[in-house]
Structure formats: C-alpha cells, structure tokens
Amino acid sequence: DLEEETKALCKQLQLQNAVDFLGFMDNPLKLL
C-alpha cells in the first residue's frame, strides 16, 4: 500500500536511473 508513495519519493530524490521497481516475484532467489 506504500508502493505509489515510495515510487513518488524515488522520483523526488532523483533515483529513477538507479532503482528498478520489479513488483511481486514468486521466485526472486536467482536475482538475490
């Protein structure tokens, strides 16, 4: 429920080029 606020803050802090929001992943183990 804080996803949109977090994305807005990410943009405000000019982190768009550094941060990717990948959403829900059922199996994020390889990424980890």
PDB file of all heavy atoms in Angstrom:
ATOM      1  N   ASP A   1       0.801  -1.224   0.000  1.00  0.00           N
ATOM      2  CA  ASP A   1       0.000   0.000   0.000  1.00  0.00           C
ATOM      3  C   ASP A   1       0.834   1.274   0.000  1.00  0.00           C
ATOM      4  O   ASP A   1       0.296   2.365  -0.184  1.00  0.00           O
ATOM      5  CB  ASP A   1      -1.004   0.000   1.153  1.00  0.00           C
ATOM      6  CG  ASP A   1      -0.358  -0.222   2.510  1.00  0.00           C
ATOM      7  OD1 ASP A   1       0.855   0.019   2.645  1.00  0.00           O
ATOM      8  OD2 ASP A   1      -1.075  -0.636   3.444  1.00  0.00           O
ATOM      9  N   LEU A   2       2.143   1.155   0.213  1.00  0.00           N
ATOM     10  CA  LEU A   2       3.013   2.338   0.132  1.00  0.00           C
ATOM     11  C   LEU A   2       3.789   2.381  -1.184  1.00  0.00           C
ATOM     12  O   LEU A   2       4.720   3.183  -1.332  1.00  0.00           O
ATOM     13  CB  LEU A   2       4.002   2.351   1.310  1.00  0.00           C
ATOM     14  CG  LEU A   2       3.408   2.569   2.702  1.00  0.00           C
ATOM     15  CD1 LEU A   2       4.508   2.581   3.758  1.00  0.00           C
ATOM     16  CD2 LEU A   2       2.612   3.868   2.768  1.00  0.00           C
ATOM     17  N   GLU A   3       3.394   1.552  -2.131  1.00  0.00           N
ATOM     18  CA  GLU A   3       4.145   1.458  -3.392  1.00  0.00           C
ATOM     19  C   GLU A   3       4.179   2.792  -4.141  1.00  0.00           C
ATOM     20  O   GLU A   3       5.248   3.256  -4.561  1.00  0.00           O
ATOM     21  CB  GLU A   3       3.553   0.369  -4.276  1.00  0.00           C
ATOM     22  CG  GLU A   3       4.298   0.182  -5.585  1.00  0.00           C
ATOM     23  CD  GLU A   3       3.784  -1.001  -6.386  1.00  0.00           C
ATOM     24  OE1 GLU A   3       2.897  -1.733  -5.879  1.00  0.00           O
ATOM     25  OE2 GLU A   3       4.265  -1.198  -7.520  1.00  0.00           O
ATOM     26  N   GLU A   4       3.022   3.406  -4.321  1.00  0.00           N
ATOM     27  CA  GLU A   4       2.975   4.650  -5.092  1.00  0.00           C
ATOM     28  C   GLU A   4       3.717   5.772  -4.378  1.00  0.00           C
ATOM     29  O   GLU A   4       4.425   6.566  -5.008  1.00  0.00           O
ATOM     30  CB  GLU A   4       1.526   5.043  -5.376  1.00  0.00           C
ATOM     31  CG  GLU A   4       0.796   4.070  -6.299  1.00  0.00           C
ATOM     32  CD  GLU A   4       1.567   3.797  -7.579  1.00  0.00           C
ATOM     33  OE1 GLU A   4       2.058   4.773  -8.195  1.00  0.00           O
ATOM     34  OE2 GLU A   4       1.682   2.620  -7.962  1.00  0.00           O
ATOM     35  N   GLU A   5       3.572   5.853  -3.055  1.00  0.00           N
ATOM     36  CA  GLU A   5       4.294   6.878  -2.291  1.00  0.00           C
ATOM     37  C   GLU A   5       5.792   6.661  -2.375  1.00  0.00           C
ATOM     38  O   GLU A   5       6.579   7.614  -2.475  1.00  0.00           O
ATOM     39  CB  GLU A   5       3.848   6.857  -0.831  1.00  0.00           C
ATOM     40  CG  GLU A   5       2.427   7.328  -0.603  1.00  0.00           C
ATOM     41  CD  GLU A   5       2.046   7.293   0.875  1.00  0.00           C
ATOM     42  OE1 GLU A   5       2.866   7.728   1.695  1.00  0.00           O
ATOM     43  OE2 GLU A   5       0.949   6.816   1.197  1.00  0.00           O
ATOM     44  N   THR A   6       6.211   5.394  -2.336  1.00  0.00           N
ATOM     45  CA  THR A   6       7.634   5.080  -2.413  1.00  0.00           C
ATOM     46  C   THR A   6       8.185   5.436  -3.791  1.00  0.00           C
ATOM     47  O   THR A   6       9.285   5.999  -3.912  1.00  0.00           O
ATOM     48  CB  THR A   6       7.872   3.587  -2.114  1.00  0.00           C
ATOM     49  OG1 THR A   6       7.311   3.263  -0.844  1.00  0.00           O
ATOM     50  CG2 THR A   6       9.360   3.271  -2.094  1.00  0.00           C
ATOM     51  N   LYS A   7       7.428   5.134  -4.828  1.00  0.00           N
ATOM     52  CA  LYS A   7       7.864   5.474  -6.184  1.00  0.00           C
ATOM     53  C   LYS A   7       7.937   6.992  -6.370  1.00  0.00           C
ATOM     54  O   LYS A   7       8.856   7.501  -7.028  1.00  0.00           O
ATOM     55  CB  LYS A   7       6.906   4.872  -7.209  1.00  0.00           C
ATOM     56  CG  LYS A   7       7.041   3.364  -7.374  1.00  0.00           C
ATOM     57  CD  LYS A   7       6.055   2.832  -8.398  1.00  0.00           C
ATOM     58  CE  LYS A   7       6.241   1.340  -8.631  1.00  0.00           C
ATOM     59  NZ  LYS A   7       5.255   0.800  -9.611  1.00  0.00           N
ATOM     60  N   ALA A   8       6.986   7.693  -5.774  1.00  0.00           N
ATOM     61  CA  ALA A   8       6.996   9.154  -5.867  1.00  0.00           C
ATOM     62  C   ALA A   8       8.226   9.731  -5.169  1.00  0.00           C
ATOM     63  O   ALA A   8       8.869  10.663  -5.675  1.00  0.00           O
ATOM     64  CB  ALA A   8       5.717   9.721  -5.262  1.00  0.00           C
ATOM     65  N   LEU A   9       8.551   9.177  -4.008  1.00  0.00           N
ATOM     66  CA  LEU A   9       9.736   9.638  -3.284  1.00  0.00           C
ATOM     67  C   LEU A   9      11.003   9.294  -4.062  1.00  0.00           C
ATOM     68  O   LEU A   9      11.955  10.092  -4.089  1.00  0.00           O
ATOM     69  CB  LEU A   9       9.774   8.999  -1.896  1.00  0.00           C
ATOM     70  CG  LEU A   9      10.933   9.410  -0.989  1.00  0.00           C
ATOM     71  CD1 LEU A   9      10.975  10.925  -0.783  1.00  0.00           C
ATOM     72  CD2 LEU A   9      10.833   8.699   0.365  1.00  0.00           C
ATOM     73  N   CYS A  10      11.020   8.130  -4.678  1.00  0.00           N
ATOM     74  CA  CYS A  10      12.159   7.742  -5.512  1.00  0.00           C
ATOM     75  C   CYS A  10      12.395   8.771  -6.618  1.00  0.00           C
ATOM     76  O   CYS A  10      13.537   9.182  -6.870  1.00  0.00           O
ATOM     77  CB  CYS A  10      11.896   6.356  -6.110  1.00  0.00           C
ATOM     78  SG  CYS A  10      13.189   5.757  -7.224  1.00  0.00           S
ATOM     79  N   LYS A  11      11.318   9.202  -7.241  1.00  0.00           N
ATOM     80  CA  LYS A  11      11.417  10.210  -8.294  1.00  0.00           C
ATOM     81  C   LYS A  11      11.852  11.548  -7.726  1.00  0.00           C
ATOM     82  O   LYS A  11      12.694  12.253  -8.313  1.00  0.00           O
ATOM     83  CB  LYS A  11      10.073  10.341  -9.000  1.00  0.00           C
ATOM     84  CG  LYS A  11      10.086  11.274 -10.198  1.00  0.00           C
ATOM     85  CD  LYS A  11       8.738  11.275 -10.905  1.00  0.00           C
ATOM     86  CE  LYS A  11       8.762  12.189 -12.124  1.00  0.00           C
ATOM     87  NZ  LYS A  11       7.445  12.192 -12.831  1.00  0.00           N
ATOM     88  N   GLN A  12      11.293  11.907  -6.578  1.00  0.00           N
ATOM     89  CA  GLN A  12      11.641  13.174  -5.932  1.00  0.00           C
ATOM     90  C   GLN A  12      13.133  13.236  -5.599  1.00  0.00           C
ATOM     91  O   GLN A  12      13.764  14.287  -5.724  1.00  0.00           O
ATOM     92  CB  GLN A  12      10.823  13.333  -4.649  1.00  0.00           C
ATOM     93  CG  GLN A  12      11.125  14.596  -3.861  1.00  0.00           C
ATOM     94  CD  GLN A  12      10.358  14.631  -2.544  1.00  0.00           C
ATOM     95  OE1 GLN A  12       9.220  14.162  -2.452  1.00  0.00           O
ATOM     96  NE2 GLN A  12      10.979  15.161  -1.503  1.00  0.00           N
ATOM     97  N   LEU A  13      13.687  12.087  -5.196  1.00  0.00           N
ATOM     98  CA  LEU A  13      15.110  12.014  -4.833  1.00  0.00           C
ATOM     99  C   LEU A  13      16.003  11.752  -6.042  1.00  0.00           C
ATOM    100  O   LEU A  13      17.210  11.546  -5.884  1.00  0.00           O
ATOM    101  CB  LEU A  13      15.320  10.923  -3.772  1.00  0.00           C
ATOM    102  CG  LEU A  13      14.593  11.135  -2.446  1.00  0.00           C
ATOM    103  CD1 LEU A  13      14.798   9.937  -1.524  1.00  0.00           C
ATOM    104  CD2 LEU A  13      15.071  12.419  -1.767  1.00  0.00           C
ATOM    105  N   GLN A  14      15.384  11.725  -7.225  1.00  0.00           N
ATOM    106  CA  GLN A  14      16.093  11.550  -8.500  1.00  0.00           C
ATOM    107  C   GLN A  14      16.886  10.235  -8.538  1.00  0.00           C
ATOM    108  O   GLN A  14      18.043  10.192  -8.941  1.00  0.00           O
ATOM    109  CB  GLN A  14      17.025  12.758  -8.753  1.00  0.00           C
ATOM    110  CG  GLN A  14      16.271  14.074  -8.849  1.00  0.00           C
ATOM    111  CD  GLN A  14      17.175  15.263  -9.137  1.00  0.00           C
ATOM    112  OE1 GLN A  14      18.387  15.194  -9.021  1.00  0.00           O
ATOM    113  NE2 GLN A  14      16.554  16.370  -9.530  1.00  0.00           N
ATOM    114  N   LEU A  15      16.183   9.176  -8.148  1.00  0.00           N
ATOM    115  CA  LEU A  15      16.799   7.854  -8.135  1.00  0.00           C
ATOM    116  C   LEU A  15      16.300   6.963  -9.282  1.00  0.00           C
ATOM    117  O   LEU A  15      16.611   5.771  -9.309  1.00  0.00           O
ATOM    118  CB  LEU A  15      16.499   7.152  -6.801  1.00  0.00           C
ATOM    119  CG  LEU A  15      17.151   7.732  -5.547  1.00  0.00           C
ATOM    120  CD1 LEU A  15      16.587   7.070  -4.296  1.00  0.00           C
ATOM    121  CD2 LEU A  15      18.667   7.557  -5.603  1.00  0.00           C
ATOM    122  N   GLN A  16      15.553   7.537 -10.219  1.00  0.00           N
ATOM    123  CA  GLN A  16      14.937   6.702 -11.257  1.00  0.00           C
ATOM    124  C   GLN A  16      15.961   5.905 -12.055  1.00  0.00           C
ATOM    125  O   GLN A  16      15.688   4.763 -12.466  1.00  0.00           O
ATOM    126  CB  GLN A  16      14.115   7.566 -12.248  1.00  0.00           C
ATOM    127  CG  GLN A  16      13.091   8.477 -11.607  1.00  0.00           C
ATOM    128  CD  GLN A  16      13.624   9.901 -11.448  1.00  0.00           C
ATOM    129  OE1 GLN A  16      14.658  10.104 -10.813  1.00  0.00           O
ATOM    130  NE2 GLN A  16      12.922  10.856 -12.032  1.00  0.00           N
ATOM    131  N   ASN A  17      17.125   6.467 -12.291  1.00  0.00           N
ATOM    132  CA  ASN A  17      18.136   5.773 -13.094  1.00  0.00           C
ATOM    133  C   ASN A  17      18.834   4.657 -12.314  1.00  0.00           C
ATOM    134  O   ASN A  17      19.451   3.774 -12.922  1.00  0.00           O
ATOM    135  CB  ASN A  17      19.192   6.765 -13.603  1.00  0.00           C
ATOM    136  CG  ASN A  17      18.613   7.752 -14.606  1.00  0.00           C
ATOM    137  OD1 ASN A  17      17.640   7.443 -15.293  1.00  0.00           O
ATOM    138  ND2 ASN A  17      19.199   8.934 -14.688  1.00  0.00           N
ATOM    139  N   ALA A  18      18.716   4.704 -10.991  1.00  0.00           N
ATOM    140  CA  ALA A  18      19.410   3.709 -10.166  1.00  0.00           C
ATOM    141  C   ALA A  18      18.484   2.588  -9.705  1.00  0.00           C
ATOM    142  O   ALA A  18      18.937   1.462  -9.489  1.00  0.00           O
ATOM    143  CB  ALA A  18      20.039   4.384  -8.945  1.00  0.00           C
ATOM    144  N   VAL A  19      17.200   2.899  -9.542  1.00  0.00           N
ATOM    145  CA  VAL A  19      16.273   1.969  -8.894  1.00  0.00           C
ATOM    146  C   VAL A  19      15.250   1.425  -9.885  1.00  0.00           C
ATOM    147  O   VAL A  19      14.610   2.190 -10.616  1.00  0.00           O
ATOM    148  CB  VAL A  19      15.533   2.665  -7.724  1.00  0.00           C
ATOM    149  CG1 VAL A  19      14.511   1.717  -7.106  1.00  0.00           C
ATOM    150  CG2 VAL A  19      16.528   3.138  -6.678  1.00  0.00           C
ATOM    151  N   ASP A  20      15.106   0.112  -9.908  1.00  0.00           N
ATOM    152  CA  ASP A  20      14.051  -0.542 -10.680  1.00  0.00           C
ATOM    153  C   ASP A  20      13.042  -1.169  -9.723  1.00  0.00           C
ATOM    154  O   ASP A  20      13.417  -1.978  -8.851  1.00  0.00           O
ATOM    155  CB  ASP A  20      14.624  -1.646 -11.572  1.00  0.00           C
ATOM    156  CG  ASP A  20      15.429  -1.106 -12.736  1.00  0.00           C
ATOM    157  OD1 ASP A  20      15.192   0.045 -13.133  1.00  0.00           O
ATOM    158  OD2 ASP A  20      16.308  -1.841 -13.243  1.00  0.00           O
ATOM    159  N   PHE A  21      11.775  -0.822  -9.866  1.00  0.00           N
ATOM    160  CA  PHE A  21      10.698  -1.448  -9.100  1.00  0.00           C
ATOM    161  C   PHE A  21      10.194  -2.643  -9.912  1.00  0.00           C
ATOM    162  O   PHE A  21       9.576  -2.466 -10.961  1.00  0.00           O
ATOM    163  CB  PHE A  21       9.569  -0.455  -8.836  1.00  0.00           C
ATOM    164  CG  PHE A  21       9.913   0.593  -7.808  1.00  0.00           C
ATOM    165  CD1 PHE A  21      10.568   1.764  -8.176  1.00  0.00           C
ATOM    166  CD2 PHE A  21       9.576   0.408  -6.468  1.00  0.00           C
ATOM    167  CE1 PHE A  21      10.876   2.742  -7.228  1.00  0.00           C
ATOM    168  CE2 PHE A  21       9.884   1.365  -5.518  1.00  0.00           C
ATOM    169  CZ  PHE A  21      10.537   2.531  -5.892  1.00  0.00           C
ATOM    170  N   LEU A  22      10.448  -3.839  -9.427  1.00  0.00           N
ATOM    171  CA  LEU A  22      10.148  -5.055 -10.183  1.00  0.00           C
ATOM    172  C   LEU A  22       8.820  -5.686  -9.795  1.00  0.00           C
ATOM    173  O   LEU A  22       8.421  -6.686 -10.392  1.00  0.00           O
ATOM    174  CB  LEU A  22      11.279  -6.072 -10.001  1.00  0.00           C
ATOM    175  CG  LEU A  22      12.678  -5.587 -10.413  1.00  0.00           C
ATOM    176  CD1 LEU A  22      13.693  -6.704 -10.221  1.00  0.00           C
ATOM    177  CD2 LEU A  22      12.694  -5.090 -11.847  1.00  0.00           C
ATOM    178  N   GLY A  23       8.132  -5.130  -8.791  1.00  0.00           N
ATOM    179  CA  GLY A  23       6.861  -5.684  -8.364  1.00  0.00           C
ATOM    180  C   GLY A  23       7.032  -7.019  -7.660  1.00  0.00           C
ATOM    181  O   GLY A  23       8.119  -7.363  -7.195  1.00  0.00           O
ATOM    182  N   PHE A  24       5.944  -7.775  -7.605  1.00  0.00           N
ATOM    183  CA  PHE A  24       5.989  -9.080  -6.948  1.00  0.00           C
ATOM    184  C   PHE A  24       6.693 -10.100  -7.829  1.00  0.00           C
ATOM    185  O   PHE A  24       6.437 -10.184  -9.034  1.00  0.00           O
ATOM    186  CB  PHE A  24       4.572  -9.563  -6.637  1.00  0.00           C
ATOM    187  CG  PHE A  24       4.532 -10.985  -6.139  1.00  0.00           C
ATOM    188  CD1 PHE A  24       4.883 -11.281  -4.831  1.00  0.00           C
ATOM    189  CD2 PHE A  24       4.151 -12.025  -6.989  1.00  0.00           C
ATOM    190  CE1 PHE A  24       4.847 -12.587  -4.375  1.00  0.00           C
ATOM    191  CE2 PHE A  24       4.105 -13.333  -6.533  1.00  0.00           C
ATOM    192  CZ  PHE A  24       4.463 -13.620  -5.217  1.00  0.00           C
ATOM    193  N   MET A  25       7.591 -10.882  -7.240  1.00  0.00           N
ATOM    194  CA  MET A  25       8.237 -12.003  -7.925  1.00  0.00           C
ATOM    195  C   MET A  25       8.038 -13.241  -7.064  1.00  0.00           C
ATOM    196  O   MET A  25       8.408 -13.248  -5.890  1.00  0.00           O
ATOM    197  CB  MET A  25       9.734 -11.749  -8.128  1.00  0.00           C
ATOM    198  CG  MET A  25      10.071 -10.657  -9.118  1.00  0.00           C
ATOM    199  SD  MET A  25      11.882 -10.412  -9.283  1.00  0.00           S
ATOM    200  CE  MET A  25      12.379 -11.966 -10.037  1.00  0.00           C
ATOM    201  N   ASP A  26       7.450 -14.278  -7.643  1.00  0.00           N
ATOM    202  CA  ASP A  26       7.228 -15.511  -6.890  1.00  0.00           C
ATOM    203  C   ASP A  26       8.552 -16.199  -6.568  1.00  0.00           C
ATOM    204  O   ASP A  26       8.671 -16.873  -5.547  1.00  0.00           O
ATOM    205  CB  ASP A  26       6.321 -16.456  -7.676  1.00  0.00           C
ATOM    206  CG  ASP A  26       6.053 -17.742  -6.921  1.00  0.00           C
ATOM    207  OD1 ASP A  26       5.576 -17.663  -5.772  1.00  0.00           O
ATOM    208  OD2 ASP A  26       6.336 -18.826  -7.467  1.00  0.00           O
ATOM    209  N   ASN A  27       9.541 -16.037  -7.429  1.00  0.00           N
ATOM    210  CA  ASN A  27      10.832 -16.688  -7.210  1.00  0.00           C
ATOM    211  C   ASN A  27      11.965 -15.694  -7.472  1.00  0.00           C
ATOM    212  O   ASN A  27      12.556 -15.669  -8.557  1.00  0.00           O
ATOM    213  CB  ASN A  27      10.970 -17.904  -8.124  1.00  0.00           C
ATOM    214  CG  ASN A  27      12.273 -18.663  -7.899  1.00  0.00           C
ATOM    215  OD1 ASN A  27      13.010 -18.391  -6.946  1.00  0.00           O
ATOM    216  ND2 ASN A  27      12.565 -19.605  -8.774  1.00  0.00           N
ATOM    217  N   PRO A  28      12.305 -14.859  -6.481  1.00  0.00           N
ATOM    218  CA  PRO A  28      13.372 -13.870  -6.660  1.00  0.00           C
ATOM    219  C   PRO A  28      14.754 -14.389  -6.263  1.00  0.00           C
ATOM    220  O   PRO A  28      15.695 -13.609  -6.119  1.00  0.00           O
ATOM    221  CB  PRO A  28      12.938 -12.749  -5.724  1.00  0.00           C
ATOM    222  CG  PRO A  28      12.288 -13.479  -4.579  1.00  0.00           C
ATOM    223  CD  PRO A  28      11.623 -14.700  -5.182  1.00  0.00           C
ATOM    224  N   LEU A  29      14.895 -15.703  -6.073  1.00  0.00           N
ATOM    225  CA  LEU A  29      16.132 -16.236  -5.489  1.00  0.00           C
ATOM    226  C   LEU A  29      17.344 -16.037  -6.382  1.00  0.00           C
ATOM    227  O   LEU A  29      18.440 -15.735  -5.894  1.00  0.00           O
ATOM    228  CB  LEU A  29      15.954 -17.724  -5.157  1.00  0.00           C
ATOM    229  CG  LEU A  29      14.902 -18.017  -4.087  1.00  0.00           C
ATOM    230  CD1 LEU A  29      14.712 -19.526  -3.919  1.00  0.00           C
ATOM    231  CD2 LEU A  29      15.288 -17.385  -2.757  1.00  0.00           C
ATOM    232  N   LYS A  30      17.193 -16.219  -7.691  1.00  0.00           N
ATOM    233  CA  LYS A  30      18.342 -16.025  -8.583  1.00  0.00           C
ATOM    234  C   LYS A  30      18.748 -14.563  -8.602  1.00  0.00           C
ATOM    235  O   LYS A  30      19.947 -14.234  -8.596  1.00  0.00           O
ATOM    236  CB  LYS A  30      17.996 -16.512  -9.991  1.00  0.00           C
ATOM    237  CG  LYS A  30      19.170 -16.431 -10.990  1.00  0.00           C
ATOM    238  CD  LYS A  30      20.353 -17.254 -10.540  1.00  0.00           C
ATOM    239  CE  LYS A  30      21.350 -17.501 -11.674  1.00  0.00           C
ATOM    240  NZ  LYS A  30      21.827 -16.293 -12.345  1.00  0.00           N
ATOM    241  N   LEU A  31      17.772 -13.674  -8.624  1.00  0.00           N
ATOM    242  CA  LEU A  31      18.074 -12.244  -8.570  1.00  0.00           C
ATOM    243  C   LEU A  31      18.827 -11.920  -7.285  1.00  0.00           C
ATOM    244  O   LEU A  31      19.816 -11.183  -7.299  1.00  0.00           O
ATOM    245  CB  LEU A  31      16.785 -11.436  -8.655  1.00  0.00           C
ATOM    246  CG  LEU A  31      16.917  -9.910  -8.657  1.00  0.00           C
ATOM    247  CD1 LEU A  31      15.821  -9.295  -9.508  1.00  0.00           C
ATOM    248  CD2 LEU A  31      16.845  -9.324  -7.250  1.00  0.00           C
ATOM    249  N   LEU A  32      18.368 -12.486  -6.169  1.00  0.00           N
ATOM    250  CA  LEU A  32      19.036 -12.270  -4.885  1.00  0.00           C
ATOM    251  C   LEU A  32      20.459 -12.801  -4.920  1.00  0.00           C
ATOM    252  O   LEU A  32      21.398 -12.125  -4.495  1.00  0.00           O
ATOM    253  CB  LEU A  32      18.234 -12.948  -3.772  1.00  0.00           C
ATOM    254  CG  LEU A  32      18.806 -12.899  -2.356  1.00  0.00           C
ATOM    255  CD1 LEU A  32      18.956 -11.458  -1.888  1.00  0.00           C
ATOM    256  CD2 LEU A  32      17.908 -13.681  -1.398  1.00  0.00           C
TER     257      LEU A  32
END
